Amino acid sequence: MSDVTAVVLSIGEAYTARAIAAVERQTLPVAETVVVRGVSPFHRALNSGAARVRTPLFAQVDADMILDATCLEELRARMSDGIGLVSGLLRDPVVGRTHGVRLYRTECFERVQIRDSISPDMDFGADIARHGWIRLHALRYEGRPAEERHTFGDHRPDYTPHYAFCKFLLEGVRCRYRWREGRVVRIFQRLRASDHAVATIALIAVSHGLFLRERRDLLVPYEQTPESDWLEAFLATANGGEMAAGVDPTEATDPDLKACFRQAYRLGTECRQRGAASTFLAQLHALKAQGGLGSWIATIGMCHGLFDDHYREAAANEAFASLAEILWEGAPW
């Protein structure tokens, strides 16, 4: 009999049955499938599911995952003594590889609970390490082309503009919280290269999220917000109120970055005031093509400025000081 339970987390997604069907196709059959419905935020849902597990191991399966048939078998093969958590990457249509499916040792939850934090999954790995357990990131060398190597399934939510805004706004907050891990660099590199329909909204949202300092668990059902509604409407009006202004970060070096950021922030606020979506999108495209630290700083400033009704130099300076706290040496894209 299998020693693995599948804990499926659902907040009512229409595709929950798809995730369960993928569990049922596993080459390592699960002992039981526990479905946690309508519980949020994330830490409450997973702790609730863990309390119902009767096997030594369990896999966290979110409703928007479609696991490869061999996923649980491969993760289980890597779970040995001393390991409390094995995680694997998933294939995402917006950012490529992303975290991820996780196989937990149930015993860990007798000592440690997923806590209420902005990054509960990663904090859990640090918490169990203090009790002597290891987190293992699983690698996979066969069965996939190079660009999909090491992945164990698909992450397939319904990427509407609203969902993308909320998800990547939260990703920006989490990037700030975990910037020492290189998360800022990875997400911006992937969004810069992405050609998905919601990639622009995702880039704007993650840029804005970098300035938010929430610490609690925000993995809850995404409700409509004035910001996401406004942004979707703004981007849909791509032919009015155009402007000639632009940002040239080509020569920006460290002493110039603050001025570059302020100039871009001003442009973002002016694009908002005039409904100049085409100007904004054209400038964003140029900055993405240019690359380098200066263009990244300008991108962040322009995207963040979109959410301010009027340019205020004090607000721009405060935002740059906040961004400077997480700057890496070199360009994040």
Protein backbone atom coordinates (compact mmCIF):
# COMPACT_ATOMS: atom_id res chain seq x y z
CA MET A 1 0.00 0.00 0.00
CA SER A 2 1.22 3.51 -0.81
CA ASP A 3 2.48 5.69 2.05
CA VAL A 4 1.56 8.92 0.23
CA THR A 5 -1.67 10.93 0.57
CA ALA A 6 -2.62 13.69 -1.86
CA VAL A 7 -3.92 16.86 -0.20
CA VAL A 8 -5.78 18.86 -2.85
CA LEU A 9 -6.33 22.55 -1.98
CA SER A 10 -9.32 24.19 -3.66
CA ILE A 11 -11.03 27.53 -3.19
CA GLY A 12 -13.74 26.59 -5.65
CA GLU A 13 -11.78 26.63 -8.92
CA ALA A 14 -13.70 25.14 -11.84
CA TYR A 15 -10.67 22.99 -12.70
CA THR A 16 -10.32 21.25 -9.31
CA ALA A 17 -11.56 17.99 -10.85
CA ARG A 18 -8.72 18.23 -13.38
CA ALA A 19 -6.15 18.27 -10.58
CA ILE A 20 -7.79 15.29 -8.88
CA ALA A 21 -7.86 13.38 -12.18
CA ALA A 22 -4.10 13.91 -12.54
CA VAL A 23 -3.61 12.48 -9.02
CA GLU A 24 -5.64 9.44 -10.01
CA ARG A 25 -3.33 8.83 -13.01
CA GLN A 26 -0.17 8.64 -10.90
CA THR A 27 2.15 5.65 -11.41
CA LEU A 28 2.47 5.67 -7.62
CA PRO A 29 -1.16 5.36 -6.50
CA VAL A 30 -1.99 7.46 -3.45
CA ALA A 31 -3.42 5.90 -0.31
CA GLU A 32 -6.06 8.60 -0.09
CA THR A 33 -7.03 11.93 -1.65
CA VAL A 34 -7.95 14.57 0.91
CA VAL A 35 -9.71 17.59 -0.60
CA VAL A 36 -9.64 20.85 1.39
CA ARG A 37 -12.32 23.18 0.01
CA GLY A 38 -12.96 26.83 0.74
CA VAL A 39 -10.33 27.31 3.45
CA SER A 40 -8.03 30.35 3.26
CA PRO A 41 -5.48 31.78 3.52
CA PHE A 42 -3.00 29.16 2.37
CA HIS A 43 -1.41 28.35 5.73
CA ARG A 44 -4.79 27.53 7.26
CA ALA A 45 -5.73 25.33 4.32
CA LEU A 46 -2.53 23.29 4.32
CA ASN A 47 -2.45 22.89 8.11
CA SER A 48 -6.06 21.72 7.93
CA GLY A 49 -5.23 19.17 5.25
CA ALA A 50 -2.13 17.92 7.08
CA ALA A 51 -4.24 17.24 10.18
CA ARG A 52 -6.35 14.78 8.14
CA VAL A 53 -3.42 12.78 6.75
CA ARG A 54 -2.94 9.23 8.03
CA THR A 55 0.15 8.28 6.02
CA PRO A 56 3.84 9.11 6.66
CA LEU A 57 3.97 11.38 3.59
CA PHE A 58 1.62 13.68 1.73
CA ALA A 59 1.74 15.77 -1.44
CA GLN A 60 0.35 19.28 -1.65
CA VAL A 61 -1.61 19.51 -4.90
CA ASP A 62 -3.14 22.90 -5.69
CA ALA A 63 -6.28 22.98 -7.81
CA ASP A 64 -4.40 24.70 -10.66
CA MET A 65 -1.79 21.92 -10.97
CA ILE A 66 -1.75 19.08 -13.50
CA LEU A 67 0.88 16.62 -12.27
CA ASP A 68 2.83 14.46 -14.69
CA ALA A 69 1.89 10.79 -14.26
CA THR A 70 5.27 9.95 -12.68
CA CYS A 71 5.44 13.03 -10.43
CA LEU A 72 4.67 11.46 -7.07
CA GLU A 73 6.73 8.36 -7.82
CA GLU A 74 9.77 10.50 -8.63
CA LEU A 75 9.36 12.79 -5.62
CA ARG A 76 8.80 9.77 -3.34
CA ALA A 77 12.03 8.17 -4.59
CA ARG A 78 13.94 11.22 -3.32
CA MET A 79 12.38 11.19 0.17
CA SER A 80 14.91 9.55 2.47
CA ASP A 81 15.72 9.72 6.19
CA GLY A 82 16.36 13.26 7.37
CA ILE A 83 14.41 14.89 4.53
CA GLY A 84 11.23 16.69 5.57
CA LEU A 85 10.20 18.20 2.25
CA VAL A 86 10.88 17.45 -1.42
CA SER A 87 9.77 20.07 -3.95
CA GLY A 88 9.62 20.09 -7.74
CA LEU A 89 9.15 22.73 -10.40
CA LEU A 90 6.11 23.08 -12.66
CA ARG A 91 5.69 24.42 -16.19
CA ASP A 92 3.89 27.78 -16.26
CA PRO A 93 2.70 29.46 -19.49
CA VAL A 94 3.71 32.96 -18.31
CA VAL A 95 7.06 32.49 -16.53
CA GLY A 96 8.24 29.07 -17.68
CA ARG A 97 9.38 27.10 -14.64
CA THR A 98 7.82 27.91 -11.31
CA HIS A 99 7.38 26.47 -7.82
CA GLY A 100 5.87 23.96 -7.34
CA VAL A 101 4.57 20.64 -6.15
CA ARG A 102 5.70 19.52 -2.69
CA LEU A 103 5.93 16.20 -0.88
CA TYR A 104 5.95 16.60 2.92
CA ARG A 105 6.88 14.29 5.75
CA THR A 106 3.75 14.29 7.89
CA GLU A 107 5.79 14.02 11.08
CA CYS A 108 7.09 17.54 10.50
CA PHE A 109 3.61 18.94 11.16
CA GLU A 110 3.61 17.41 14.64
CA ARG A 111 6.30 19.96 15.56
CA VAL A 112 5.94 22.75 13.01
CA GLN A 113 2.90 24.33 11.39
CA ILE A 114 2.82 26.38 8.22
CA ARG A 115 2.80 29.88 9.66
CA ASP A 116 1.01 33.08 8.76
CA SER A 117 3.64 34.80 6.63
CA ILE A 118 3.94 36.35 3.19
CA SER A 119 6.04 33.36 2.09
CA PRO A 120 4.66 30.44 4.14
CA ASP A 121 6.09 27.67 1.99
CA MET A 122 9.70 28.87 2.12
CA ASP A 123 9.44 29.82 5.79
CA PHE A 124 8.27 26.28 6.54
CA GLY A 125 11.47 24.93 5.00
CA ALA A 126 13.51 27.15 7.33
CA ASP A 127 11.36 26.18 10.32
CA ILE A 128 11.79 22.42 9.85
CA ALA A 129 15.54 22.91 9.33
CA ARG A 130 15.73 24.04 12.95
CA HIS A 131 14.41 20.59 13.90
CA GLY A 132 17.02 18.82 11.78
CA TRP A 133 15.02 18.14 8.62
CA ILE A 134 16.23 19.04 5.14
CA ARG A 135 14.36 20.55 2.20
CA LEU A 136 15.36 18.94 -1.10
CA HIS A 137 14.77 20.52 -4.51
CA ALA A 138 14.22 17.63 -6.90
CA LEU A 139 15.95 17.52 -10.28
CA ARG A 140 14.79 15.52 -13.28
CA TYR A 141 17.15 14.72 -16.14
CA GLU A 142 15.08 12.69 -18.60
CA GLY A 143 11.76 12.75 -20.40
CA ARG A 144 11.53 16.46 -21.22
CA PRO A 145 13.18 18.91 -23.65
CA ALA A 146 15.92 21.10 -22.20
CA GLU A 147 13.66 24.09 -21.56
CA GLU A 148 11.31 21.91 -19.48
CA ARG A 149 13.93 19.80 -17.70
CA HIS A 150 13.43 19.28 -13.97
CA THR A 151 9.67 19.94 -14.16
CA PHE A 152 7.05 17.56 -12.74
CA GLY A 153 3.79 18.89 -14.12
CA ASP A 154 1.94 21.99 -15.25
CA HIS A 155 0.76 25.07 -13.40
CA ARG A 156 -2.38 26.01 -15.33
CA PRO A 157 -4.62 28.57 -13.66
CA ASP A 158 -7.05 30.64 -15.69
CA TYR A 159 -4.74 33.55 -16.50
CA THR A 160 -7.30 36.35 -16.82
CA PRO A 161 -5.97 39.92 -16.59
CA HIS A 162 -7.42 40.23 -13.08
CA TYR A 163 -5.89 36.95 -11.90
CA ALA A 164 -2.51 37.89 -13.39
CA PHE A 165 -2.53 41.29 -11.68
CA CYS A 166 -3.35 39.84 -8.25
CA LYS A 167 -0.97 36.91 -8.53
CA PHE A 168 2.02 38.96 -9.65
CA LEU A 169 1.33 41.83 -7.28
CA LEU A 170 1.71 39.23 -4.53
CA GLU A 171 4.79 37.88 -6.27
CA GLY A 172 6.32 41.35 -6.06
CA VAL A 173 5.67 41.47 -2.31
CA ARG A 174 7.22 38.01 -1.91
CA CYS A 175 10.21 39.04 -4.04
CA ARG A 176 10.89 41.88 -1.66
CA TYR A 177 10.62 39.56 1.36
CA ARG A 178 12.98 37.01 -0.22
CA TRP A 179 15.25 39.22 -2.28
CA ARG A 180 18.43 37.67 -0.90
CA GLU A 181 17.56 34.42 -2.70
CA GLY A 182 17.78 36.05 -6.14
CA ARG A 183 14.00 35.93 -6.62
CA VAL A 184 13.89 39.49 -7.99
CA VAL A 185 16.35 38.65 -10.75
CA ARG A 186 14.55 35.44 -11.76
CA ILE A 187 11.03 36.85 -12.00
CA PHE A 188 12.01 39.93 -14.00
CA GLN A 189 14.17 37.93 -16.41
CA ARG A 190 11.28 35.55 -17.06
CA LEU A 191 8.66 38.26 -17.50
CA ARG A 192 10.93 40.23 -19.79
CA ALA A 193 11.19 37.16 -22.06
CA SER A 194 7.54 36.12 -21.82
CA ASP A 195 5.22 36.62 -24.79
CA HIS A 196 2.07 35.55 -22.96
CA ALA A 197 -0.98 37.80 -23.31
CA VAL A 198 -0.89 38.79 -19.62
CA ALA A 199 2.89 39.26 -19.39
CA THR A 200 2.62 43.07 -19.49
CA ILE A 201 0.07 43.16 -16.69
CA ALA A 202 2.24 40.71 -14.74
CA LEU A 203 5.32 42.92 -15.18
CA ILE A 204 3.45 46.04 -14.05
CA ALA A 205 1.98 44.22 -11.05
CA VAL A 206 5.24 42.67 -9.84
CA SER A 207 6.96 46.07 -10.18
CA HIS A 208 4.28 47.72 -8.06
CA GLY A 209 4.33 44.88 -5.54
CA LEU A 210 8.03 45.46 -4.79
CA PHE A 211 7.02 48.54 -2.80
CA LEU A 212 4.50 46.80 -0.56
CA ARG A 213 5.73 45.50 2.79
CA GLU A 214 3.07 43.02 3.86
CA ARG A 215 4.23 40.13 6.04
CA ARG A 216 1.02 38.12 6.52
CA ASP A 217 -0.27 35.28 4.35
CA LEU A 218 -2.06 36.88 1.38
CA LEU A 219 -2.76 33.65 -0.52
CA VAL A 220 -6.54 34.10 -0.52
CA PRO A 221 -9.19 34.16 -3.27
CA TYR A 222 -8.41 37.11 -5.53
CA GLU A 223 -11.25 39.63 -5.40
CA GLN A 224 -11.80 42.44 -7.86
CA THR A 225 -9.87 45.57 -6.86
CA PRO A 226 -9.99 49.17 -8.12
CA GLU A 227 -6.31 48.93 -9.12
CA SER A 228 -6.72 45.83 -11.29
CA ASP A 229 -9.94 47.16 -12.85
CA TRP A 230 -8.30 50.50 -13.65
CA LEU A 231 -5.17 48.89 -15.13
CA GLU A 232 -7.14 46.57 -17.40
CA ALA A 233 -9.25 49.49 -18.66
CA PHE A 234 -6.17 51.70 -19.14
CA LEU A 235 -4.29 49.12 -21.22
CA ALA A 236 -7.38 48.55 -23.36
CA THR A 237 -7.35 52.22 -24.50
CA ALA A 238 -4.13 52.16 -26.49
CA ASN A 239 -4.80 55.03 -28.90
CA GLY A 240 -5.61 58.18 -27.00
CA GLY A 241 -3.85 60.95 -25.11
CA GLU A 242 -0.39 60.24 -26.49
CA MET A 243 2.78 61.96 -25.29
CA ALA A 244 6.23 62.55 -26.72
CA ALA A 245 8.07 62.14 -23.42
CA GLY A 246 10.42 59.22 -22.94
CA VAL A 247 13.07 57.83 -20.66
CA ASP A 248 16.63 57.23 -21.78
CA PRO A 249 18.48 55.11 -19.22
CA THR A 250 21.27 54.16 -21.65
CA GLU A 251 23.98 56.09 -19.83
CA ALA A 252 22.63 55.57 -16.32
CA THR A 253 25.26 54.64 -13.79
CA ASP A 254 24.93 54.38 -10.03
CA PRO A 255 24.92 58.16 -9.35
CA ASP A 256 22.24 58.62 -12.03
CA LEU A 257 19.87 55.84 -11.03
CA LYS A 258 17.81 57.99 -8.69
CA ALA A 259 17.24 60.63 -11.36
CA CYS A 260 16.44 57.89 -13.88
CA PHE A 261 13.87 56.42 -11.51
CA ARG A 262 12.26 59.81 -10.81
CA GLN A 263 12.00 60.63 -14.51
CA ALA A 264 10.36 57.29 -15.20
CA TYR A 265 8.06 57.60 -12.20
CA ARG A 266 6.92 61.00 -13.49
CA LEU A 267 6.24 59.50 -16.92
CA GLY A 268 4.12 56.77 -15.34
CA THR A 269 1.99 59.31 -13.46
CA GLU A 270 1.57 61.44 -16.59
CA CYS A 271 0.55 58.42 -18.67
CA ARG A 272 -2.11 57.71 -16.05
CA GLN A 273 -3.36 61.31 -16.06
CA ARG A 274 -3.64 61.48 -19.86
CA GLY A 275 -4.78 57.90 -20.48
CA ALA A 276 -1.67 57.51 -22.66
CA ALA A 277 -1.55 53.73 -22.82
CA SER A 278 0.23 53.60 -26.19
CA THR A 279 3.01 55.87 -24.95
CA PHE A 280 3.38 53.75 -21.84
CA LEU A 281 3.44 50.46 -23.77
CA ALA A 282 5.88 51.77 -26.38
CA GLN A 283 8.27 52.97 -23.69
CA LEU A 284 7.93 49.70 -21.79
CA HIS A 285 8.75 47.75 -24.96
CA ALA A 286 11.84 49.91 -25.57
CA LEU A 287 13.08 49.44 -22.01
CA LYS A 288 12.61 45.67 -22.17
CA ALA A 289 14.56 45.52 -25.43
CA GLN A 290 17.38 47.62 -24.01
CA GLY A 291 18.20 45.62 -20.91
CA GLY A 292 20.66 46.63 -18.21
CA LEU A 293 20.29 48.05 -14.72
CA GLY A 294 19.26 51.53 -15.86
CA SER A 295 16.41 50.22 -18.01
CA TRP A 296 15.24 47.97 -15.19
CA ILE A 297 15.21 50.91 -12.75
CA ALA A 298 13.24 52.96 -15.31
CA THR A 299 10.78 50.10 -15.86
CA ILE A 300 10.11 49.79 -12.13
CA GLY A 301 9.70 53.56 -11.76
CA MET A 302 7.36 53.89 -14.71
CA CYS A 303 5.19 50.91 -13.67
CA HIS A 304 4.98 52.06 -10.05
CA GLY A 305 4.19 55.61 -11.15
CA LEU A 306 1.08 54.35 -12.93
CA PHE A 307 -0.56 53.94 -9.52
CA ASP A 308 -0.06 57.58 -8.43
CA ASP A 309 -2.51 60.25 -9.60
CA HIS A 310 0.06 63.06 -9.49
CA TYR A 311 3.83 63.26 -9.56
CA ARG A 312 5.26 64.16 -6.18
CA GLU A 313 9.03 64.28 -5.90
CA ALA A 314 8.94 63.29 -2.23
CA ALA A 315 6.96 60.16 -3.11
CA ALA A 316 9.36 59.34 -5.94
CA ASN A 317 12.38 59.77 -3.66
CA GLU A 318 10.77 57.61 -0.98
CA ALA A 319 10.00 54.90 -3.54
CA PHE A 320 13.57 54.91 -4.85
CA ALA A 321 14.95 54.63 -1.33
CA SER A 322 12.68 51.62 -0.81
CA LEU A 323 13.86 50.04 -4.06
CA ALA A 324 17.52 50.72 -3.23
CA GLU A 325 17.21 48.40 -0.22
CA ILE A 326 16.90 45.38 -2.51
CA LEU A 327 19.16 46.32 -5.43
CA TRP A 328 21.61 43.64 -6.53
CA GLU A 329 25.00 44.32 -8.00
CA GLY A 330 24.41 44.11 -11.74
CA ALA A 331 21.23 44.11 -13.80
CA PRO A 332 18.17 42.07 -12.83
CA TRP A 333 17.59 41.59 -16.57
